[in-house]
Protein backbone atom coordinates (compact mmCIF):
# COMPACT_ATOMS: atom_id res chain seq x y z
CA UNK A 1 32.41 5.84 5.30
CA UNK A 2 29.15 4.26 6.28
CA UNK A 3 26.17 5.83 5.19
CA UNK A 4 23.98 6.50 8.03
CA UNK A 5 20.70 4.24 7.70
CA UNK A 6 17.22 6.01 7.66
CA UNK A 7 15.24 5.22 10.72
CA UNK A 8 11.57 4.10 9.88
CA UNK A 9 9.42 6.20 11.71
CA UNK A 10 5.57 6.43 10.95
CA UNK A 11 3.36 7.22 13.61
CA UNK A 12 0.36 8.91 11.48
CA UNK A 13 -1.13 9.01 8.02
CA UNK A 14 -0.63 12.91 7.61
CA UNK A 15 2.76 13.85 9.05
CA UNK A 16 5.29 15.52 7.00
CA UNK A 17 6.54 13.08 4.84
CA UNK A 18 10.38 12.91 4.92
CA UNK A 19 11.17 9.46 2.69
CA UNK A 20 8.74 7.34 0.66
CA UNK A 21 9.11 3.83 -1.28
CA UNK A 22 8.01 3.76 -4.69
CA UNK A 23 8.16 1.11 -7.68
CA UNK A 24 7.86 2.44 -11.10
CA UNK A 25 5.48 0.48 -13.20
CA UNK A 26 7.57 -1.28 -16.04
CA UNK A 27 7.52 -4.32 -18.40
CA UNK A 28 5.82 -6.44 -16.03
CA UNK A 29 2.57 -4.51 -16.41
CA UNK A 30 2.61 -5.19 -20.17
CA UNK A 31 3.75 -8.87 -19.71
CA UNK A 32 0.11 -10.24 -19.61
CA UNK A 33 -2.50 -11.18 -21.87
CA UNK A 34 -6.40 -11.45 -21.66
CA UNK A 35 -5.86 -14.97 -20.60
CA UNK A 36 -4.20 -14.07 -17.54
CA UNK A 37 -5.65 -10.67 -16.69
CA UNK A 38 -7.72 -12.29 -13.63
CA UNK A 39 -4.61 -13.96 -12.29
CA UNK A 40 -2.81 -10.44 -12.50
CA UNK A 41 -5.98 -9.36 -10.16
CA UNK A 42 -6.53 -6.53 -13.10
CA UNK A 43 -9.82 -5.78 -14.65
CA UNK A 44 -8.16 -4.92 -17.76
CA UNK A 45 -4.82 -4.61 -19.60
CA UNK A 46 -2.97 -1.36 -18.93
CA UNK A 47 -1.38 0.79 -21.71
CA UNK A 48 2.16 1.22 -20.26
CA UNK A 49 3.32 4.36 -21.99
CA UNK A 50 0.26 6.27 -20.63
CA UNK A 51 0.52 4.47 -17.10
CA UNK A 52 4.16 5.52 -17.05
CA UNK A 53 3.53 9.08 -17.94
CA UNK A 54 1.26 9.32 -15.26
CA UNK A 55 3.39 7.56 -12.69
CA UNK A 56 6.09 10.29 -13.53
CA UNK A 57 3.66 12.97 -12.11
CA UNK A 58 3.43 10.91 -8.94
CA UNK A 59 6.91 10.66 -8.79
CA UNK A 60 7.76 14.07 -9.83
CA UNK A 61 5.60 15.45 -6.90
CA UNK A 62 6.79 13.05 -4.11
CA UNK A 63 10.41 13.98 -5.28
CA UNK A 64 9.85 17.53 -4.46
CA UNK A 65 8.78 16.82 -0.95
CA UNK A 66 10.48 14.09 0.24
CA UNK A 67 13.42 11.71 -0.47
CA UNK A 68 12.22 8.81 -2.71
CA UNK A 69 13.21 5.32 -2.44
CA UNK A 70 12.96 2.67 -5.44
CA UNK A 71 12.30 -0.80 -4.89
CA UNK A 72 14.36 -1.86 -7.71
CA UNK A 73 17.81 -0.24 -6.93
CA UNK A 74 17.23 -1.57 -3.18
CA UNK A 75 16.37 -4.94 -4.52
CA UNK A 76 19.95 -5.00 -6.46
CA UNK A 77 21.48 -3.59 -3.09
CA UNK A 78 20.11 -7.07 -1.65
CA UNK A 79 21.16 -9.17 -4.79
CA UNK A 80 24.82 -7.69 -4.51
CA UNK A 81 25.42 -9.81 -1.36
CA UNK A 82 25.79 -13.63 -1.48
CA UNK A 83 23.70 -14.72 1.54
CA UNK A 84 20.90 -12.45 1.26
CA UNK A 85 20.91 -13.31 -2.54
CA UNK A 86 20.82 -16.98 -1.77
CA UNK A 87 18.18 -16.60 1.07
CA UNK A 88 15.83 -14.81 -1.29
CA UNK A 89 16.27 -17.08 -4.26
CA UNK A 90 15.79 -20.16 -2.06
CA UNK A 91 12.49 -18.75 -0.52
CA UNK A 92 10.95 -17.62 -4.00
CA UNK A 93 12.12 -20.69 -5.61
CA UNK A 94 10.70 -23.09 -2.89
CA UNK A 95 7.40 -21.32 -2.58
CA UNK A 96 6.59 -21.33 -6.41
CA UNK A 97 7.90 -24.66 -7.02
CA UNK A 98 10.77 -23.77 -9.49
CA UNK A 99 13.85 -24.97 -7.65
CA UNK A 100 15.27 -26.21 -10.93
CA UNK A 101 16.07 -22.59 -11.70
CA UNK A 102 17.94 -21.76 -8.42
CA UNK A 103 21.34 -22.41 -9.97
CA UNK A 104 20.65 -20.03 -12.91
CA UNK A 105 19.18 -17.66 -10.95
CA UNK A 106 22.16 -17.54 -8.73
CA UNK A 107 24.51 -17.19 -11.73
CA UNK A 108 22.62 -13.92 -13.04
CA UNK A 109 23.94 -10.56 -12.55
CA UNK A 110 22.31 -8.58 -9.81
CA UNK A 111 20.34 -6.16 -12.18
CA UNK A 112 19.34 -8.68 -14.67
CA UNK A 113 18.05 -10.78 -11.51
CA UNK A 114 16.15 -7.89 -10.15
CA UNK A 115 14.61 -7.73 -13.77
CA UNK A 116 13.69 -11.18 -13.85
CA UNK A 117 12.31 -10.99 -10.35
CA UNK A 118 10.10 -8.20 -11.12
CA UNK A 119 9.18 -8.46 -14.62
CA UNK A 120 9.01 -12.34 -14.87
CA UNK A 121 11.31 -15.17 -16.11
CA UNK A 122 10.52 -17.22 -19.33
CA UNK A 123 10.21 -21.05 -18.61
CA UNK A 124 12.63 -23.36 -20.30
CA UNK A 125 10.62 -25.89 -22.34
CA UNK A 126 12.87 -28.68 -22.47
CA UNK A 127 11.23 -31.40 -20.58
CA UNK A 128 7.89 -32.96 -21.14
CA UNK A 129 6.59 -31.85 -17.89
CA UNK A 130 7.29 -28.21 -18.78
CA UNK A 131 5.92 -28.43 -22.25
CA UNK A 132 2.49 -30.10 -20.80
CA UNK A 133 2.31 -27.27 -18.05
CA UNK A 134 1.70 -24.86 -20.96
CA UNK A 135 3.11 -21.99 -19.00
CA UNK A 136 4.91 -19.17 -20.53
CA UNK A 137 6.55 -17.99 -17.26
CA UNK A 138 8.41 -19.94 -14.58
CA UNK A 139 8.40 -16.76 -12.48
CA UNK A 140 5.17 -14.67 -13.20
CA UNK A 141 5.64 -10.99 -13.53
CA UNK A 142 4.75 -8.81 -10.46
CA UNK A 143 2.02 -6.96 -12.25
CA UNK A 144 0.57 -5.52 -8.90
CA UNK A 145 4.21 -4.18 -7.53
CA UNK A 146 3.46 -0.53 -8.40
CA UNK A 147 1.19 -0.52 -5.44
CA UNK A 148 4.05 -0.57 -2.95
CA UNK A 149 1.49 -0.04 -0.11
CA UNK A 150 0.25 -3.69 0.08
CA UNK A 151 3.03 -5.96 0.67
CA UNK A 152 4.54 -4.57 3.58
CA UNK A 153 3.14 -1.88 6.47
CA UNK A 154 5.40 0.92 8.37
CA UNK A 155 4.02 1.05 11.92
CA UNK A 156 6.37 3.08 14.31
CA UNK A 157 9.82 1.82 13.95
CA UNK A 158 8.77 -1.42 12.59
CA UNK A 159 8.00 -3.06 9.06
CA UNK A 160 5.16 -5.35 9.03
CA UNK A 161 5.88 -7.83 5.98
CA UNK A 162 2.30 -8.74 4.89
CA UNK A 163 0.95 -12.32 4.05
CA UNK A 164 -0.77 -11.48 0.83
CA UNK A 165 -4.27 -12.94 -0.05
CA UNK A 166 -3.17 -14.31 -3.48
CA UNK A 167 -0.24 -16.41 -4.12
CA UNK A 168 0.73 -14.47 -7.15
CA UNK A 169 1.81 -11.56 -5.05
CA UNK A 170 3.82 -13.53 -2.21
CA UNK A 171 7.31 -12.55 -4.15
CA UNK A 172 6.28 -9.11 -3.62
CA UNK A 173 6.35 -9.75 0.19
CA UNK A 174 9.53 -11.68 0.19
CA UNK A 175 11.49 -9.06 -1.59
CA UNK A 176 10.00 -6.12 0.90
CA UNK A 177 11.26 -8.57 3.79
CA UNK A 178 14.84 -8.78 1.88
CA UNK A 179 14.90 -4.88 1.42
CA UNK A 180 14.10 -3.78 4.87
CA UNK A 181 16.67 -6.52 6.41
CA UNK A 182 19.57 -6.64 3.88
CA UNK A 183 19.51 -3.54 1.62
CA UNK A 184 21.72 -1.69 4.23
CA UNK A 185 19.57 1.44 3.84
CA UNK A 186 16.98 1.12 6.74
CA UNK A 187 16.88 0.96 10.33
CA UNK A 188 13.76 -0.90 11.89
CA UNK A 189 12.69 -4.11 13.41
CA UNK A 190 11.02 -6.59 10.98
CA UNK A 191 7.95 -8.85 11.46
CA UNK A 192 7.38 -11.21 8.64
CA UNK A 193 4.00 -12.58 8.82
CA UNK A 194 4.80 -15.21 6.46
CA UNK A 195 7.03 -17.11 8.81
CA UNK A 196 5.70 -20.19 10.53
CA UNK A 197 2.53 -20.29 8.45
CA UNK A 198 1.24 -23.16 6.40
CA UNK A 199 0.29 -22.64 2.75
CA UNK A 200 -3.47 -23.16 3.94
CA UNK A 201 -3.09 -20.64 6.92
CA UNK A 202 -5.98 -18.15 7.28
CA UNK A 203 -3.49 -15.39 8.48
CA UNK A 204 -3.67 -12.94 5.75
CA UNK A 205 -3.26 -9.21 5.67
CA UNK A 206 -2.55 -6.49 3.18
CA UNK A 207 -1.28 -2.88 3.54
CA UNK A 208 -4.27 -1.22 2.11
CA UNK A 209 -6.31 -2.26 5.14
CA UNK A 210 -3.89 -0.90 7.85
CA UNK A 211 -4.29 2.91 8.59
CA UNK A 212 -1.96 4.42 11.13
CA UNK A 213 -4.29 7.09 12.48
CA UNK A 214 -2.41 8.07 15.52
CA UNK A 215 0.55 6.86 17.62
CA UNK A 216 -2.00 5.02 19.70
CA UNK A 217 -4.77 4.39 17.29
CA UNK A 218 -4.55 1.59 14.27
CA UNK A 219 -7.67 1.32 11.97
CA UNK A 220 -7.79 -1.89 9.91
CA UNK A 221 -10.35 -3.26 7.32
CA UNK A 222 -11.61 -6.59 7.48
CA UNK A 223 -12.55 -8.08 4.21
CA UNK A 224 -11.32 -10.01 1.24
CA UNK A 225 -7.63 -9.16 1.77
CA UNK A 226 -7.40 -9.07 5.72
CA UNK A 227 -8.89 -12.06 7.55
CA UNK A 228 -9.73 -11.80 11.31
CA UNK A 229 -6.81 -14.23 11.82
CA UNK A 230 -4.71 -11.66 10.14
CA UNK A 231 -5.77 -8.97 12.41
CA UNK A 232 -5.41 -11.36 15.53
CA UNK A 233 -1.79 -11.78 14.36
CA UNK A 234 -0.97 -8.25 14.04
CA UNK A 235 -2.61 -7.50 17.48
CA UNK A 236 -0.48 -10.27 19.08
CA UNK A 237 2.75 -9.30 17.53
CA UNK A 238 2.30 -5.35 18.32
CA UNK A 239 0.44 -5.60 21.62
CA UNK A 240 3.85 -6.27 23.40
CA UNK A 241 6.19 -3.69 21.51
CA UNK A 242 4.04 -0.71 21.21
CA UNK A 243 5.69 1.78 23.84
CA UNK A 244 2.20 3.05 25.25
CA UNK A 245 0.25 1.91 28.13
CA UNK A 246 -3.11 1.87 25.89
CA UNK A 247 -3.53 1.12 22.56
CA UNK A 248 -6.59 1.14 20.28
CA UNK A 249 -7.42 -1.02 17.25
CA UNK A 250 -10.44 -0.43 15.32
CA UNK A 251 -11.74 -2.79 12.91
CA UNK A 252 -14.06 -1.82 9.98
CA UNK A 253 -15.70 -4.74 8.26
CA UNK A 254 -15.79 -4.34 4.26
CA UNK A 255 -18.02 -5.70 1.52
CA UNK A 256 -16.52 -8.72 -0.45
CA UNK A 257 -18.07 -6.98 -3.49
CA UNK A 258 -17.50 -5.17 -5.73
CA UNK A 259 -13.99 -5.45 -6.19
CA UNK A 260 -13.53 -1.56 -5.78
CA UNK A 261 -13.80 -2.45 -1.84
CA UNK A 262 -10.83 -4.23 -1.86
CA UNK A 263 -9.26 -2.48 0.97
CA UNK A 264 -10.18 -0.07 3.76
CA UNK A 265 -8.23 2.85 2.16
CA UNK A 266 -10.91 2.59 -0.96
CA UNK A 267 -13.23 3.84 1.32
CA UNK A 268 -11.49 5.73 4.27
CA UNK A 269 -8.34 7.98 4.05
CA UNK A 270 -7.16 10.83 6.14
CA UNK A 271 -6.62 14.41 4.72
CA UNK A 272 -5.76 16.46 7.87
CA UNK A 273 -5.73 16.46 11.45
CA UNK A 274 -9.42 17.37 11.45
CA UNK A 275 -10.60 15.89 8.05
CA UNK A 276 -10.98 12.62 6.33
CA UNK A 277 -12.16 11.30 2.81
CA UNK A 278 -15.11 8.81 3.12
CA UNK A 279 -17.30 6.81 0.94
CA UNK A 280 -20.46 7.57 2.84
CA UNK A 281 -22.77 4.53 2.20
CA UNK A 282 -20.20 2.48 4.14
CA UNK A 283 -18.77 4.80 6.51
CA UNK A 284 -21.80 7.05 7.37
CA UNK A 285 -24.72 5.09 6.72
CA UNK A 286 -26.15 2.35 8.47
CA UNK A 287 -25.33 -0.97 6.95
CA UNK A 288 -24.53 -4.66 8.03
CA UNK A 289 -20.80 -4.27 8.27
CA UNK A 290 -19.53 -3.94 11.91
CA UNK A 291 -17.24 -1.42 13.49
CA UNK A 292 -15.31 -3.11 16.36
CA UNK A 293 -13.06 -1.48 18.85
CA UNK A 294 -10.41 -3.54 20.65
CA UNK A 295 -8.73 -1.88 23.51
CA UNK A 296 -4.90 -3.24 24.41
CA UNK A 297 -3.66 -2.18 27.99
CA UNK A 298 0.01 -2.82 29.18
CA UNK A 299 0.36 -5.65 26.56
CA UNK A 300 -3.22 -7.42 27.10
CA UNK A 301 -6.37 -7.27 25.27
CA UNK A 302 -8.78 -5.71 27.90
CA UNK A 303 -11.85 -5.13 25.63
CA UNK A 304 -13.53 -6.08 22.45
CA UNK A 305 -16.97 -4.57 21.53
CA UNK A 306 -18.96 -3.37 18.69
CA UNK A 307 -19.24 0.41 18.25
CA UNK A 308 -21.73 2.75 16.34
CA UNK A 309 -19.39 3.59 13.56
CA UNK A 310 -15.50 4.43 12.64
CA UNK A 311 -16.06 8.25 12.87
CA UNK A 312 -17.97 8.13 16.09
CA UNK A 313 -15.17 6.00 17.89
CA UNK A 314 -12.71 8.03 16.54
CA UNK A 315 -14.05 11.12 18.03
CA UNK A 316 -14.30 9.52 21.36
CA UNK A 317 -10.49 8.86 21.30
CA UNK A 318 -9.94 12.57 20.45
CA UNK A 319 -9.91 12.56 16.77
CA UNK A 320 -12.95 14.78 15.66
CA UNK A 321 -12.78 14.19 11.85
CA UNK A 322 -14.85 16.18 9.61
CA UNK A 323 -16.10 13.61 6.49
CA UNK A 324 -15.47 15.00 2.82
CA UNK A 325 -17.89 12.76 0.75
CA UNK A 326 -16.11 10.81 -2.16
CA UNK A 327 -18.26 11.95 -5.35
CA UNK A 328 -20.26 14.68 -3.56
CA UNK A 329 -23.73 14.42 -2.76
CA UNK A 330 -25.02 12.45 -5.82
CA UNK A 331 -25.25 8.86 -4.97
CA UNK A 332 -24.26 7.77 -8.65
CA UNK A 333 -21.32 10.09 -8.36
CA UNK A 334 -20.05 8.69 -5.04
CA UNK A 335 -20.41 4.88 -6.63
CA UNK A 336 -18.72 6.05 -9.64
CA UNK A 337 -15.90 7.90 -8.30
CA UNK A 338 -15.40 5.33 -5.52
CA UNK A 339 -14.81 2.67 -8.28
CA UNK A 340 -11.98 4.78 -9.63
CA UNK A 341 -10.42 5.17 -6.29
CA UNK A 342 -11.97 8.58 -5.30
CA UNK A 343 -11.57 7.81 -1.55
CA UNK A 344 -7.83 6.91 -2.08
CA UNK A 345 -5.66 9.84 -0.88
CA UNK A 346 -2.02 10.07 0.20
CA UNK A 347 -1.06 12.91 2.38
CA UNK A 348 2.35 14.21 2.26
CA UNK A 349 1.75 16.74 5.11
CA UNK A 350 -1.19 17.73 7.01
CA UNK A 351 -3.70 19.11 4.49
CA UNK A 352 -1.51 18.21 1.63
CA UNK A 353 -2.66 15.30 -0.31
CA UNK A 354 -2.61 13.51 -3.61
CA UNK A 355 -5.30 12.20 -5.85
CA UNK A 356 -6.43 11.35 -9.34
CA UNK A 357 -7.69 14.45 -11.35
CA UNK A 358 -10.63 12.54 -13.20
CA UNK A 359 -12.73 12.32 -9.66
CA UNK A 360 -14.27 15.66 -10.46
CA UNK A 361 -16.85 15.38 -7.90
CA UNK A 362 -14.53 14.65 -5.22
CA UNK A 363 -12.43 17.34 -5.97
CA UNK A 364 -15.40 19.90 -5.89
CA UNK A 365 -15.91 18.66 -2.34
CA UNK A 366 -12.77 19.22 -1.23
CA UNK A 367 -12.69 22.71 -2.95
CA UNK A 368 -15.86 23.38 -0.82
CA UNK A 369 -13.93 22.22 2.30
CA UNK A 370 -10.77 24.64 1.67
CA UNK A 371 -8.57 22.60 -0.54
CA UNK A 372 -6.92 24.35 -3.54
CA UNK A 373 -6.68 21.86 -6.59
CA UNK A 374 -3.42 21.99 -7.77
CA UNK A 375 -2.39 20.05 -10.96
CA UNK A 376 0.63 17.95 -10.63
CA UNK A 377 2.26 19.20 -13.92
CA UNK A 378 2.23 23.17 -12.61
CA UNK A 379 3.74 21.89 -9.37
CA UNK A 380 6.52 19.96 -10.87
CA UNK A 381 7.32 22.86 -13.10
CA UNK A 382 7.62 25.12 -10.10
CA UNK A 383 4.38 27.06 -10.95
CA UNK A 384 2.35 26.16 -7.60
CA UNK A 385 5.12 26.00 -4.93
CA UNK A 386 3.42 28.71 -3.06
CA UNK A 387 0.16 26.66 -2.77
CA UNK A 388 1.64 23.44 -1.96
CA UNK A 389 4.44 24.50 0.37
CA UNK A 390 1.89 27.24 2.00
CA UNK A 391 -0.14 26.69 5.02
CA UNK A 392 -3.59 26.46 3.21
CA UNK A 393 -4.78 22.87 2.32
CA UNK A 394 -4.26 21.75 -1.27
CA UNK A 395 -4.77 18.75 -3.37
CA UNK A 396 -2.17 18.03 -6.11
CA UNK A 397 -4.00 15.93 -8.87
CA UNK A 398 -2.37 13.44 -11.21
CA UNK A 399 -3.89 12.16 -14.47
CA UNK A 400 -5.46 8.88 -13.96
CA UNK A 401 -6.78 7.09 -16.94
CA UNK A 402 -4.28 4.01 -16.89
CA UNK A 403 -3.07 3.73 -13.36
CA UNK A 404 -6.61 3.33 -11.64
CA UNK A 405 -7.47 0.34 -14.15
CA UNK A 406 -5.11 -1.60 -11.97
CA UNK A 407 -7.24 -1.12 -8.94
CA UNK A 408 -5.84 1.73 -6.60
CA UNK A 409 -4.91 5.12 -6.18
CA UNK A 410 -2.17 7.43 -4.67
CA UNK A 411 -2.25 5.76 -1.28
CA UNK A 412 -1.95 2.22 -2.80
CA UNK A 413 1.18 3.43 -4.92
CA UNK A 414 3.08 4.84 -1.94
CA UNK A 415 4.93 3.43 1.15
CA UNK A 416 5.89 6.00 3.68
CA UNK A 417 9.27 5.23 5.34
CA UNK A 418 9.51 8.62 7.69
CA UNK A 419 7.23 11.02 8.73
CA UNK A 420 7.40 13.86 11.23
CA UNK A 421 5.16 13.50 14.27
CA UNK A 422 2.07 15.48 14.34
CA UNK A 423 0.70 17.77 17.11
């Protein structure tokens, strides 16, 4: 009997979560040294055992509220099939210039191959070329893969495979493309931004910059990880497929420094139908970064114009959001907690969100706005079901001493696959 496929359906950031895609951090996180931390896009080396303990809280919460799919098991499904395996390995080997490993990879057992593709493949030092190259890995570990948000984006019934800003992360996109197309689990159309692009193409986008605010509103950050050309690519692909007469794309420019501004969801995330989390200096105060409103009508771009700010244009479009301030009233606390992903929230239902416990001033602001603070271990142990499953807003907090050092929060680590529609 053939198992029914899960229909991908995501029309908002806050609809009740039915299914989510996760990747547990594993040996790839520790397969680095101080010499390659910068290549890994980290600011420091993580303690894997602590990171995994913290991650189990995230996993434990989400497994109680939704169906959890895992990257590694889905990848093994792909690798169990000859043609999808061959296509994926060829694509990876060509892109990373390791075609001499193709036959060896094709001969590996699926579970071992999945491990090598994620955790890294040590190089064979059997030629002068390989010796002089002085690289331990032929395929580098995917240090950032537990941030599943970045490599692909679900919008409606479509999966957009992102073209990542850093080549070290391109394999993540290739794996996600193979999973959506060939794992046999998902029902969706797939748009691959990597196809037909030259190596020097400026078309770049990452999922942390893409927020599905409403079925007819997409908010996109324009910064170091998502270029104007990448946004134009998305608009061109989606403008003829969205089933609405009028569609709005709001572009928010982002600073290139510091690195905590890497994505839009580090300064703005949705909390409820009427509330959002914001980093005040960028979202609510006058600054040099533009907000641009693009209108698409019947498949054509009819208007591109600057607007006075993200919250004001959303209000004009019928989304009147009360901002909750990351870090609270003090500017120092705002900067410190934004650095530690204090604005990066993941909603698993309207008014039900996940966050790090360390950002105490942000949590105080949420409490003032009616959110009950619930430690993740209490909910996992069954001690807070009434708060989480009740009608009042709540924020479930996970420990975050190691996970944030990779450069992201709860939204970064979660890829929603199916949500209920929001009234």
